[in-house]
Amino acid sequence: MSINAKHLATFILGAAAGVAAHKYLQSEEGEKLLEDLKTKANNLKAEAEGAMDKAPEYFEELKTKGADTLKSSFPDAENFFKELYDKFVGSKGGAETATPANTPTPDPIS
């Protein structure tokens, strides 16, 4: 791979930007900027950890309120899903009884 003028110019500009950033961050204003960034990052981290602690409670409340809303808005929904489940399990149960008696039953995976 050959190095052409474009690659060389890009490298020089990148190195110059790095030197300028280093000089700026060594100044008093740059140190203040770093301290502000560290403070904001720590606040964001604490907020995220708090949200993680509250997540199980939030989802439990969401599940409860969602179920209550579904029951109040669609009173027949519970029976519908129960019948749908019974049909699904019933069709699988019927297929299991149709298997020959001499077929070995596999051991369940624990």
PDB file of N, CA and C in Angstrom:
ATOM      1  N   MET A   1       0.844  -1.163   0.000  1.00  0.00           N
ATOM      2  CA  MET A   1       0.000   0.000   0.000  1.00  0.00           C
ATOM      3  C   MET A   1       0.891   1.228   0.000  1.00  0.00           C
ATOM      4  N   SER A   2       0.658   2.087  -0.903  1.00  0.00           N
ATOM      5  CA  SER A   2       1.501   3.275  -1.001  1.00  0.00           C
ATOM      6  C   SER A   2       0.915   4.413  -0.167  1.00  0.00           C
ATOM      7  N   ILE A   3       1.816   5.246   0.315  1.00  0.00           N
ATOM      8  CA  ILE A   3       1.403   6.414   1.086  1.00  0.00           C
ATOM      9  C   ILE A   3       1.390   7.593   0.134  1.00  0.00           C
ATOM     10  N   ASN A   4       0.229   8.181  -0.035  1.00  0.00           N
ATOM     11  CA  ASN A   4       0.157   9.350  -0.907  1.00  0.00           C
ATOM     12  C   ASN A   4       0.016  10.611  -0.060  1.00  0.00           C
ATOM     13  N   ALA A   5      -0.040  11.741  -0.676  1.00  0.00           N
ATOM     14  CA  ALA A   5      -0.079  13.025   0.021  1.00  0.00           C
ATOM     15  C   ALA A   5      -1.326  13.163   0.891  1.00  0.00           C
ATOM     16  N   LYS A   6      -2.434  12.570   0.446  1.00  0.00           N
ATOM     17  CA  LYS A   6      -3.676  12.646   1.212  1.00  0.00           C
ATOM     18  C   LYS A   6      -3.523  11.954   2.569  1.00  0.00           C
ATOM     19  N   HIS A   7      -2.926  10.745   2.558  1.00  0.00           N
ATOM     20  CA  HIS A   7      -2.738  10.005   3.806  1.00  0.00           C
ATOM     21  C   HIS A   7      -1.781  10.750   4.729  1.00  0.00           C
ATOM     22  N   LEU A   8      -0.727  11.289   4.191  1.00  0.00           N
ATOM     23  CA  LEU A   8       0.249  12.022   4.982  1.00  0.00           C
ATOM     24  C   LEU A   8      -0.391  13.268   5.597  1.00  0.00           C
ATOM     25  N   ALA A   9      -1.177  14.007   4.824  1.00  0.00           N
ATOM     26  CA  ALA A   9      -1.849  15.197   5.333  1.00  0.00           C
ATOM     27  C   ALA A   9      -2.843  14.828   6.434  1.00  0.00           C
ATOM     28  N   THR A  10      -3.566  13.737   6.253  1.00  0.00           N
ATOM     29  CA  THR A  10      -4.523  13.286   7.273  1.00  0.00           C
ATOM     30  C   THR A  10      -3.803  12.934   8.566  1.00  0.00           C
ATOM     31  N   PHE A  11      -2.677  12.251   8.461  1.00  0.00           N
ATOM     32  CA  PHE A  11      -1.895  11.885   9.645  1.00  0.00           C
ATOM     33  C   PHE A  11      -1.397  13.130  10.360  1.00  0.00           C
ATOM     34  N   ILE A  12      -0.871  14.091   9.612  1.00  0.00           N
ATOM     35  CA  ILE A  12      -0.330  15.314  10.216  1.00  0.00           C
ATOM     36  C   ILE A  12      -1.441  16.117  10.890  1.00  0.00           C
ATOM     37  N   LEU A  13      -2.595  16.230  10.242  1.00  0.00           N
ATOM     38  CA  LEU A  13      -3.722  16.952  10.850  1.00  0.00           C
ATOM     39  C   LEU A  13      -4.212  16.256  12.123  1.00  0.00           C
ATOM     40  N   GLY A  14      -4.257  14.948  12.097  1.00  0.00           N
ATOM     41  CA  GLY A  14      -4.672  14.206  13.284  1.00  0.00           C
ATOM     42  C   GLY A  14      -3.701  14.380  14.434  1.00  0.00           C
ATOM     43  N   ALA A  15      -2.404  14.341  14.130  1.00  0.00           N
ATOM     44  CA  ALA A  15      -1.391  14.540  15.167  1.00  0.00           C
ATOM     45  C   ALA A  15      -1.466  15.957  15.725  1.00  0.00           C
ATOM     46  N   ALA A  16      -1.688  16.939  14.861  1.00  0.00           N
ATOM     47  CA  ALA A  16      -1.798  18.323  15.315  1.00  0.00           C
ATOM     48  C   ALA A  16      -3.020  18.505  16.207  1.00  0.00           C
ATOM     49  N   ALA A  17      -4.127  17.869  15.844  1.00  0.00           N
ATOM     50  CA  ALA A  17      -5.334  17.956  16.678  1.00  0.00           C
ATOM     51  C   ALA A  17      -5.085  17.315  18.039  1.00  0.00           C
ATOM     52  N   GLY A  18      -4.360  16.211  18.064  1.00  0.00           N
ATOM     53  CA  GLY A  18      -4.033  15.561  19.325  1.00  0.00           C
ATOM     54  C   GLY A  18      -3.164  16.424  20.210  1.00  0.00           C
ATOM     55  N   VAL A  19      -2.163  17.080  19.628  1.00  0.00           N
ATOM     56  CA  VAL A  19      -1.284  17.966  20.395  1.00  0.00           C
ATOM     57  C   VAL A  19      -2.088  19.146  20.928  1.00  0.00           C
ATOM     58  N   ALA A  20      -2.965  19.717  20.107  1.00  0.00           N
ATOM     59  CA  ALA A  20      -3.783  20.858  20.542  1.00  0.00           C
ATOM     60  C   ALA A  20      -4.713  20.446  21.683  1.00  0.00           C
ATOM     61  N   ALA A  21      -5.326  19.291  21.576  1.00  0.00           N
ATOM     62  CA  ALA A  21      -6.220  18.812  22.641  1.00  0.00           C
ATOM     63  C   ALA A  21      -5.440  18.587  23.929  1.00  0.00           C
ATOM     64  N   HIS A  22      -4.259  18.023  23.815  1.00  0.00           N
ATOM     65  CA  HIS A  22      -3.425  17.785  24.999  1.00  0.00           C
ATOM     66  C   HIS A  22      -3.061  19.107  25.662  1.00  0.00           C
ATOM     67  N   LYS A  23      -2.638  20.091  24.875  1.00  0.00           N
ATOM     68  CA  LYS A  23      -2.283  21.414  25.419  1.00  0.00           C
ATOM     69  C   LYS A  23      -3.487  22.059  26.101  1.00  0.00           C
ATOM     70  N   TYR A  24      -4.661  21.960  25.460  1.00  0.00           N
ATOM     71  CA  TYR A  24      -5.860  22.558  26.029  1.00  0.00           C
ATOM     72  C   TYR A  24      -6.232  21.893  27.349  1.00  0.00           C
ATOM     73  N   LEU A  25      -6.171  20.564  27.398  1.00  0.00           N
ATOM     74  CA  LEU A  25      -6.560  19.855  28.615  1.00  0.00           C
ATOM     75  C   LEU A  25      -5.570  20.069  29.753  1.00  0.00           C
ATOM     76  N   GLN A  26      -4.352  20.497  29.453  1.00  0.00           N
ATOM     77  CA  GLN A  26      -3.376  20.792  30.496  1.00  0.00           C
ATOM     78  C   GLN A  26      -3.567  22.188  31.084  1.00  0.00           C
ATOM     79  N   SER A  27      -4.361  23.012  30.418  1.00  0.00           N
ATOM     80  CA  SER A  27      -4.613  24.364  30.923  1.00  0.00           C
ATOM     81  C   SER A  27      -5.636  24.303  32.059  1.00  0.00           C
ATOM     82  N   GLU A  28      -5.788  25.456  32.743  1.00  0.00           N
ATOM     83  CA  GLU A  28      -6.740  25.527  33.851  1.00  0.00           C
ATOM     84  C   GLU A  28      -8.172  25.291  33.367  1.00  0.00           C
ATOM     85  N   GLU A  29      -8.491  25.880  32.225  1.00  0.00           N
ATOM     86  CA  GLU A  29      -9.830  25.708  31.652  1.00  0.00           C
ATOM     87  C   GLU A  29     -10.080  24.260  31.237  1.00  0.00           C
ATOM     88  N   GLY A  30      -9.070  23.608  30.694  1.00  0.00           N
ATOM     89  CA  GLY A  30      -9.187  22.210  30.294  1.00  0.00           C
ATOM     90  C   GLY A  30      -9.385  21.294  31.484  1.00  0.00           C
ATOM     91  N   GLU A  31      -8.666  21.578  32.583  1.00  0.00           N
ATOM     92  CA  GLU A  31      -8.835  20.772  33.798  1.00  0.00           C
ATOM     93  C   GLU A  31     -10.236  20.942  34.367  1.00  0.00           C
ATOM     94  N   LYS A  32     -10.757  22.177  34.289  1.00  0.00           N
ATOM     95  CA  LYS A  32     -12.131  22.415  34.752  1.00  0.00           C
ATOM     96  C   LYS A  32     -13.117  21.615  33.896  1.00  0.00           C
ATOM     97  N   LEU A  33     -12.887  21.596  32.579  1.00  0.00           N
ATOM     98  CA  LEU A  33     -13.731  20.827  31.671  1.00  0.00           C
ATOM     99  C   LEU A  33     -13.705  19.339  32.029  1.00  0.00           C
ATOM    100  N   LEU A  34     -12.520  18.807  32.303  1.00  0.00           N
ATOM    101  CA  LEU A  34     -12.410  17.388  32.680  1.00  0.00           C
ATOM    102  C   LEU A  34     -13.144  17.104  33.987  1.00  0.00           C
ATOM    103  N   GLU A  35     -13.026  17.991  34.960  1.00  0.00           N
ATOM    104  CA  GLU A  35     -13.729  17.799  36.227  1.00  0.00           C
ATOM    105  C   GLU A  35     -15.244  17.819  36.021  1.00  0.00           C
ATOM    106  N   ASP A  36     -15.720  18.748  35.181  1.00  0.00           N
ATOM    107  CA  ASP A  36     -17.156  18.798  34.881  1.00  0.00           C
ATOM    108  C   ASP A  36     -17.619  17.515  34.198  1.00  0.00           C
ATOM    109  N   LEU A  37     -16.817  17.025  33.270  1.00  0.00           N
ATOM    110  CA  LEU A  37     -17.166  15.776  32.584  1.00  0.00           C
ATOM    111  C   LEU A  37     -17.202  14.603  33.551  1.00  0.00           C
ATOM    112  N   LYS A  38     -16.237  14.556  34.465  1.00  0.00           N
ATOM    113  CA  LYS A  38     -16.213  13.472  35.458  1.00  0.00           C
ATOM    114  C   LYS A  38     -17.437  13.542  36.369  1.00  0.00           C
ATOM    115  N   THR A  39     -17.802  14.754  36.785  1.00  0.00           N
ATOM    116  CA  THR A  39     -18.977  14.924  37.652  1.00  0.00           C
ATOM    117  C   THR A  39     -20.246  14.486  36.928  1.00  0.00           C
ATOM    118  N   LYS A  40     -20.397  14.926  35.678  1.00  0.00           N
ATOM    119  CA  LYS A  40     -21.587  14.553  34.909  1.00  0.00           C
ATOM    120  C   LYS A  40     -21.627  13.043  34.669  1.00  0.00           C
ATOM    121  N   ALA A  41     -20.479  12.431  34.404  1.00  0.00           N
ATOM    122  CA  ALA A  41     -20.435  10.983  34.186  1.00  0.00           C
ATOM    123  C   ALA A  41     -20.822  10.236  35.456  1.00  0.00           C
ATOM    124  N   ASN A  42     -20.332  10.696  36.610  1.00  0.00           N
ATOM    125  CA  ASN A  42     -20.688  10.038  37.877  1.00  0.00           C
ATOM    126  C   ASN A  42     -22.176  10.194  38.178  1.00  0.00           C
ATOM    127  N   ASN A  43     -22.737  11.372  37.881  1.00  0.00           N
ATOM    128  CA  ASN A  43     -24.177  11.580  38.087  1.00  0.00           C
ATOM    129  C   ASN A  43     -24.991  10.668  37.178  1.00  0.00           C
ATOM    130  N   LEU A  44     -24.566  10.541  35.931  1.00  0.00           N
ATOM    131  CA  LEU A  44     -25.257   9.666  34.993  1.00  0.00           C
ATOM    132  C   LEU A  44     -25.165   8.206  35.432  1.00  0.00           C
ATOM    133  N   LYS A  45     -24.005   7.816  35.944  1.00  0.00           N
ATOM    134  CA  LYS A  45     -23.823   6.446  36.436  1.00  0.00           C
ATOM    135  C   LYS A  45     -24.753   6.184  37.618  1.00  0.00           C
ATOM    136  N   ALA A  46     -24.821   7.119  38.565  1.00  0.00           N
ATOM    137  CA  ALA A  46     -25.694   6.953  39.734  1.00  0.00           C
ATOM    138  C   ALA A  46     -27.160   6.879  39.303  1.00  0.00           C
ATOM    139  N   GLU A  47     -27.545   7.705  38.339  1.00  0.00           N
ATOM    140  CA  GLU A  47     -28.917   7.682  37.844  1.00  0.00           C
ATOM    141  C   GLU A  47     -29.241   6.346  37.176  1.00  0.00           C
ATOM    142  N   ALA A  48     -28.296   5.820  36.409  1.00  0.00           N
ATOM    143  CA  ALA A  48     -28.505   4.534  35.734  1.00  0.00           C
ATOM    144  C   ALA A  48     -28.603   3.405  36.752  1.00  0.00           C
ATOM    145  N   GLU A  49     -27.767   3.441  37.786  1.00  0.00           N
ATOM    146  CA  GLU A  49     -27.845   2.404  38.818  1.00  0.00           C
ATOM    147  C   GLU A  49     -29.166   2.474  39.568  1.00  0.00           C
ATOM    148  N   GLY A  50     -29.656   3.686  39.831  1.00  0.00           N
ATOM    149  CA  GLY A  50     -30.954   3.852  40.479  1.00  0.00           C
ATOM    150  C   GLY A  50     -32.079   3.312  39.616  1.00  0.00           C
ATOM    151  N   ALA A  51     -31.983   3.550  38.319  1.00  0.00           N
ATOM    152  CA  ALA A  51     -33.005   3.040  37.399  1.00  0.00           C
ATOM    153  C   ALA A  51     -32.982   1.521  37.368  1.00  0.00           C
ATOM    154  N   MET A  52     -31.794   0.933  37.431  1.00  0.00           N
ATOM    155  CA  MET A  52     -31.703  -0.536  37.438  1.00  0.00           C
ATOM    156  C   MET A  52     -32.325  -1.114  38.704  1.00  0.00           C
ATOM    157  N   ASP A  53     -32.157  -0.420  39.829  1.00  0.00           N
ATOM    158  CA  ASP A  53     -32.747  -0.900  41.080  1.00  0.00           C
ATOM    159  C   ASP A  53     -34.271  -0.803  41.054  1.00  0.00           C
ATOM    160  N   LYS A  54     -34.793   0.215  40.375  1.00  0.00           N
ATOM    161  CA  LYS A  54     -36.242   0.412  40.327  1.00  0.00           C
ATOM    162  C   LYS A  54     -36.921  -0.400  39.223  1.00  0.00           C
ATOM    163  N   ALA A  55     -36.171  -0.957  38.308  1.00  0.00           N
ATOM    164  CA  ALA A  55     -36.750  -1.644  37.149  1.00  0.00           C
ATOM    165  C   ALA A  55     -37.664  -2.811  37.532  1.00  0.00           C
ATOM    166  N   PRO A  56     -37.263  -3.719  38.440  1.00  0.00           N
ATOM    167  CA  PRO A  56     -38.184  -4.830  38.769  1.00  0.00           C
ATOM    168  C   PRO A  56     -39.525  -4.351  39.323  1.00  0.00           C
ATOM    169  N   GLU A  57     -39.489  -3.332  40.186  1.00  0.00           N
ATOM    170  CA  GLU A  57     -40.736  -2.798  40.735  1.00  0.00           C
ATOM    171  C   GLU A  57     -41.592  -2.179  39.634  1.00  0.00           C
ATOM    172  N   TYR A  58     -40.942  -1.467  38.729  1.00  0.00           N
ATOM    173  CA  TYR A  58     -41.656  -0.813  37.636  1.00  0.00           C
ATOM    174  C   TYR A  58     -42.339  -1.837  36.740  1.00  0.00           C
ATOM    175  N   PHE A  59     -41.625  -2.892  36.380  1.00  0.00           N
ATOM    176  CA  PHE A  59     -42.210  -3.897  35.494  1.00  0.00           C
ATOM    177  C   PHE A  59     -43.301  -4.695  36.199  1.00  0.00           C
ATOM    178  N   GLU A  60     -43.172  -4.920  37.490  1.00  0.00           N
ATOM    179  CA  GLU A  60     -44.229  -5.600  38.235  1.00  0.00           C
ATOM    180  C   GLU A  60     -45.491  -4.736  38.261  1.00  0.00           C
ATOM    181  N   GLU A  61     -45.316  -3.437  38.501  1.00  0.00           N
ATOM    182  CA  GLU A  61     -46.447  -2.518  38.489  1.00  0.00           C
ATOM    183  C   GLU A  61     -47.077  -2.441  37.100  1.00  0.00           C
ATOM    184  N   LEU A  62     -46.234  -2.419  36.076  1.00  0.00           N
ATOM    185  CA  LEU A  62     -46.723  -2.384  34.701  1.00  0.00           C
ATOM    186  C   LEU A  62     -47.534  -3.638  34.381  1.00  0.00           C
ATOM    187  N   LYS A  63     -47.047  -4.792  34.842  1.00  0.00           N
ATOM    188  CA  LYS A  63     -47.758  -6.047  34.604  1.00  0.00           C
ATOM    189  C   LYS A  63     -49.119  -6.034  35.309  1.00  0.00           C
ATOM    190  N   THR A  64     -49.136  -5.582  36.542  1.00  0.00           N
ATOM    191  CA  THR A  64     -50.381  -5.551  37.316  1.00  0.00           C
ATOM    192  C   THR A  64     -51.386  -4.583  36.693  1.00  0.00           C
ATOM    193  N   LYS A  65     -50.918  -3.371  36.383  1.00  0.00           N
ATOM    194  CA  LYS A  65     -51.827  -2.385  35.789  1.00  0.00           C
ATOM    195  C   LYS A  65     -52.286  -2.816  34.410  1.00  0.00           C
ATOM    196  N   GLY A  66     -51.401  -3.452  33.665  1.00  0.00           N
ATOM    197  CA  GLY A  66     -51.775  -3.932  32.332  1.00  0.00           C
ATOM    198  C   GLY A  66     -52.835  -5.008  32.409  1.00  0.00           C
ATOM    199  N   ALA A  67     -52.676  -5.920  33.365  1.00  0.00           N
ATOM    200  CA  ALA A  67     -53.674  -6.980  33.534  1.00  0.00           C
ATOM    201  C   ALA A  67     -55.013  -6.395  33.965  1.00  0.00           C
ATOM    202  N   ASP A  68     -54.978  -5.443  34.894  1.00  0.00           N
ATOM    203  CA  ASP A  68     -56.224  -4.815  35.351  1.00  0.00           C
ATOM    204  C   ASP A  68     -56.915  -4.059  34.218  1.00  0.00           C
ATOM    205  N   THR A  69     -56.135  -3.342  33.414  1.00  0.00           N
ATOM    206  CA  THR A  69     -56.703  -2.600  32.283  1.00  0.00           C
ATOM    207  C   THR A  69     -57.299  -3.550  31.262  1.00  0.00           C
ATOM    208  N   LEU A  70     -56.592  -4.639  30.993  1.00  0.00           N
ATOM    209  CA  LEU A  70     -57.096  -5.620  30.034  1.00  0.00           C
ATOM    210  C   LEU A  70     -58.406  -6.235  30.531  1.00  0.00           C
ATOM    211  N   LYS A  71     -58.461  -6.547  31.831  1.00  0.00           N
ATOM    212  CA  LYS A  71     -59.678  -7.131  32.388  1.00  0.00           C
ATOM    213  C   LYS A  71     -60.847  -6.142  32.359  1.00  0.00           C
ATOM    214  N   SER A  72     -60.559  -4.860  32.627  1.00  0.00           N
ATOM    215  CA  SER A  72     -61.654  -3.886  32.639  1.00  0.00           C
ATOM    216  C   SER A  72     -62.092  -3.518  31.219  1.00  0.00           C
ATOM    217  N   SER A  73     -61.153  -3.462  30.291  1.00  0.00           N
ATOM    218  CA  SER A  73     -61.502  -3.086  28.918  1.00  0.00           C
ATOM    219  C   SER A  73     -62.090  -4.247  28.128  1.00  0.00           C
ATOM    220  N   PHE A  74     -61.562  -5.435  28.359  1.00  0.00           N
ATOM    221  CA  PHE A  74     -62.012  -6.632  27.654  1.00  0.00           C
ATOM    222  C   PHE A  74     -62.327  -7.717  28.679  1.00  0.00           C
ATOM    223  N   PRO A  75     -63.545  -7.696  29.249  1.00  0.00           N
ATOM    224  CA  PRO A  75     -63.873  -8.637  30.323  1.00  0.00           C
ATOM    225  C   PRO A  75     -63.825 -10.105  29.888  1.00  0.00           C
ATOM    226  N   ASP A  76     -64.028 -10.388  28.610  1.00  0.00           N
ATOM    227  CA  ASP A  76     -64.010 -11.770  28.141  1.00  0.00           C
ATOM    228  C   ASP A  76     -62.617 -12.227  27.726  1.00  0.00           C
ATOM    229  N   ALA A  77     -61.627 -11.375  27.877  1.00  0.00           N
ATOM    230  CA  ALA A  77     -60.274 -11.715  27.414  1.00  0.00           C
ATOM    231  C   ALA A  77     -59.711 -12.917  28.172  1.00  0.00           C
ATOM    232  N   GLU A  78     -59.935 -12.977  29.476  1.00  0.00           N
ATOM    233  CA  GLU A  78     -59.391 -14.081  30.267  1.00  0.00           C
ATOM    234  C   GLU A  78     -59.967 -15.416  29.793  1.00  0.00           C
ATOM    235  N   ASN A  79     -61.269 -15.465  29.571  1.00  0.00           N
ATOM    236  CA  ASN A  79     -61.875 -16.701  29.076  1.00  0.00           C
ATOM    237  C   ASN A  79     -61.385 -17.051  27.681  1.00  0.00           C
ATOM    238  N   PHE A  80     -61.223 -16.027  26.837  1.00  0.00           N
ATOM    239  CA  PHE A  80     -60.735 -16.255  25.487  1.00  0.00           C
ATOM    240  C   PHE A  80     -59.344 -16.890  25.515  1.00  0.00           C
ATOM    241  N   PHE A  81     -58.444 -16.311  26.306  1.00  0.00           N
ATOM    242  CA  PHE A  81     -57.081 -16.844  26.364  1.00  0.00           C
ATOM    243  C   PHE A  81     -57.044 -18.222  27.018  1.00  0.00           C
ATOM    244  N   LYS A  82     -57.931 -18.436  27.982  1.00  0.00           N
ATOM    245  CA  LYS A  82     -57.988 -19.750  28.629  1.00  0.00           C
ATOM    246  C   LYS A  82     -58.446 -20.815  27.626  1.00  0.00           C
ATOM    247  N   GLU A  83     -59.479 -20.495  26.846  1.00  0.00           N
ATOM    248  CA  GLU A  83     -59.962 -21.432  25.825  1.00  0.00           C
ATOM    249  C   GLU A  83     -58.916 -21.656  24.736  1.00  0.00           C
ATOM    250  N   LEU A  84     -58.242 -20.596  24.348  1.00  0.00           N
ATOM    251  CA  LEU A  84     -57.186 -20.714  23.345  1.00  0.00           C
ATOM    252  C   LEU A  84     -56.057 -21.610  23.858  1.00  0.00           C
ATOM    253  N   TYR A  85     -55.691 -21.446  25.102  1.00  0.00           N
ATOM    254  CA  TYR A  85     -54.656 -22.274  25.710  1.00  0.00           C
ATOM    255  C   TYR A  85     -55.109 -23.731  25.777  1.00  0.00           C
ATOM    256  N   ASP A  86     -56.346 -23.934  26.187  1.00  0.00           N
ATOM    257  CA  ASP A  86     -56.866 -25.303  26.264  1.00  0.00           C
ATOM    258  C   ASP A  86     -56.889 -25.966  24.893  1.00  0.00           C
ATOM    259  N   LYS A  87     -57.260 -25.218  23.858  1.00  0.00           N
ATOM    260  CA  LYS A  87     -57.243 -25.780  22.498  1.00  0.00           C
ATOM    261  C   LYS A  87     -55.835 -26.146  22.079  1.00  0.00           C
ATOM    262  N   PHE A  88     -54.891 -25.288  22.396  1.00  0.00           N
ATOM    263  CA  PHE A  88     -53.494 -25.542  22.027  1.00  0.00           C
ATOM    264  C   PHE A  88     -52.954 -26.753  22.772  1.00  0.00           C
ATOM    265  N   VAL A  89     -53.155 -26.802  24.066  1.00  0.00           N
ATOM    266  CA  VAL A  89     -52.679 -27.934  24.863  1.00  0.00           C
ATOM    267  C   VAL A  89     -53.456 -29.189  24.517  1.00  0.00           C
ATOM    268  N   GLY A  90     -54.738 -29.042  24.255  1.00  0.00           N
ATOM    269  CA  GLY A  90     -55.568 -30.195  23.906  1.00  0.00           C
ATOM    270  C   GLY A  90     -55.126 -30.830  22.606  1.00  0.00           C
ATOM    271  N   SER A  91     -54.738 -30.031  21.615  1.00  0.00           N
ATOM    272  CA  SER A  91     -54.306 -30.596  20.329  1.00  0.00           C
ATOM    273  C   SER A  91     -52.982 -31.311  20.485  1.00  0.00           C
ATOM    274  N   LYS A  92     -52.110 -30.806  21.339  1.00  0.00           N
ATOM    275  CA  LYS A  92     -50.844 -31.498  21.570  1.00  0.00           C
ATOM    276  C   LYS A  92     -51.079 -32.755  22.399  1.00  0.00           C
ATOM    277  N   GLY A  93     -52.001 -32.676  23.344  1.00  0.00           N
ATOM    278  CA  GLY A  93     -52.294 -33.834  24.187  1.00  0.00           C
ATOM    279  C   GLY A  93     -52.886 -34.962  23.365  1.00  0.00           C
ATOM    280  N   GLY A  94     -53.723 -34.635  22.380  1.00  0.00           N
ATOM    281  CA  GLY A  94     -54.321 -35.640  21.516  1.00  0.00           C
ATOM    282  C   GLY A  94     -53.266 -36.330  20.679  1.00  0.00           C
ATOM    283  N   ALA A  95     -52.273 -35.612  20.235  1.00  0.00           N
ATOM    284  CA  ALA A  95     -51.202 -36.194  19.421  1.00  0.00           C
ATOM    285  C   ALA A  95     -50.357 -37.138  20.256  1.00  0.00           C
ATOM    286  N   GLU A  96     -50.189 -36.832  21.548  1.00  0.00           N
ATOM    287  CA  GLU A  96     -49.370 -37.693  22.401  1.00  0.00           C
ATOM    288  C   GLU A  96     -50.073 -39.026  22.665  1.00  0.00           C
ATOM    289  N   THR A  97     -51.401 -39.013  22.779  1.00  0.00           N
ATOM    290  CA  THR A  97     -52.105 -40.264  23.056  1.00  0.00           C
ATOM    291  C   THR A  97     -52.146 -41.156  21.824  1.00  0.00           C
ATOM    292  N   ALA A  98     -51.908 -40.585  20.628  1.00  0.00           N
ATOM    293  CA  ALA A  98     -51.961 -41.372  19.408  1.00  0.00           C
ATOM    294  C   ALA A  98     -50.656 -42.116  19.139  1.00  0.00           C
ATOM    295  N   THR A  99     -49.618 -41.903  19.924  1.00  0.00           N
ATOM    296  CA  THR A  99     -48.343 -42.594  19.706  1.00  0.00           C
ATOM    297  C   THR A  99     -48.466 -44.042  20.149  1.00  0.00           C
ATOM    298  N   PRO A 100     -47.757 -44.937  19.494  1.00  0.00           N
ATOM    299  CA  PRO A 100     -47.823 -46.355  19.863  1.00  0.00           C
ATOM    300  C   PRO A 100     -47.292 -46.589  21.271  1.00  0.00           C
ATOM    301  N   ALA A 101     -47.794 -47.655  21.909  1.00  0.00           N
ATOM    302  CA  ALA A 101     -47.426 -47.957  23.284  1.00  0.00           C
ATOM    303  C   ALA A 101     -45.984 -48.429  23.397  1.00  0.00           C
ATOM    304  N   ASN A 102     -45.407 -49.011  22.344  1.00  0.00           N
ATOM    305  CA  ASN A 102     -44.056 -49.532  22.445  1.00  0.00           C
ATOM    306  C   ASN A 102     -42.986 -48.481  22.172  1.00  0.00           C
ATOM    307  N   THR A 103     -43.363 -47.220  21.930  1.00  0.00           N
ATOM    308  CA  THR A 103     -42.396 -46.154  21.715  1.00  0.00           C
ATOM    309  C   THR A 103     -41.841 -45.733  23.069  1.00  0.00           C
ATOM    310  N   PRO A 104     -40.507 -45.753  23.231  1.00  0.00           N
ATOM    311  CA  PRO A 104     -39.932 -45.378  24.533  1.00  0.00           C
ATOM    312  C   PRO A 104     -40.090 -43.882  24.775  1.00  0.00           C
ATOM    313  N   THR A 105     -40.304 -43.528  26.018  1.00  0.00           N
ATOM    314  CA  THR A 105     -40.424 -42.133  26.403  1.00  0.00           C
ATOM    315  C   THR A 105     -39.036 -41.607  26.736  1.00  0.00           C
ATOM    316  N   PRO A 106     -38.614 -40.519  26.105  1.00  0.00           N
ATOM    317  CA  PRO A 106     -37.274 -39.985  26.402  1.00  0.00           C
ATOM    318  C   PRO A 106     -37.218 -39.397  27.805  1.00  0.00           C
ATOM    319  N   ASP A 107     -36.030 -39.452  28.401  1.00  0.00           N
ATOM    320  CA  ASP A 107     -35.836 -38.866  29.719  1.00  0.00           C
ATOM    321  C   ASP A 107     -35.844 -37.354  29.595  1.00  0.00           C
ATOM    322  N   PRO A 108     -36.485 -36.649  30.530  1.00  0.00           N
ATOM    323  CA  PRO A 108     -36.484 -35.196  30.467  1.00  0.00           C
ATOM    324  C   PRO A 108     -35.098 -34.659  30.798  1.00  0.00           C
ATOM    325  N   ILE A 109     -34.785 -33.545  30.185  1.00  0.00           N
ATOM    326  CA  ILE A 109     -33.504 -32.889  30.452  1.00  0.00           C
ATOM    327  C   ILE A 109     -33.660 -32.019  31.679  1.00  0.00           C
ATOM    328  N   SER A 110     -32.810 -32.205  32.650  1.00  0.00           N
ATOM    329  CA  SER A 110     -32.917 -31.429  33.881  1.00  0.00           C
ATOM    330  C   SER A 110     -31.912 -30.327  33.914  1.00  0.00           C
TER     331      SER A 110
END
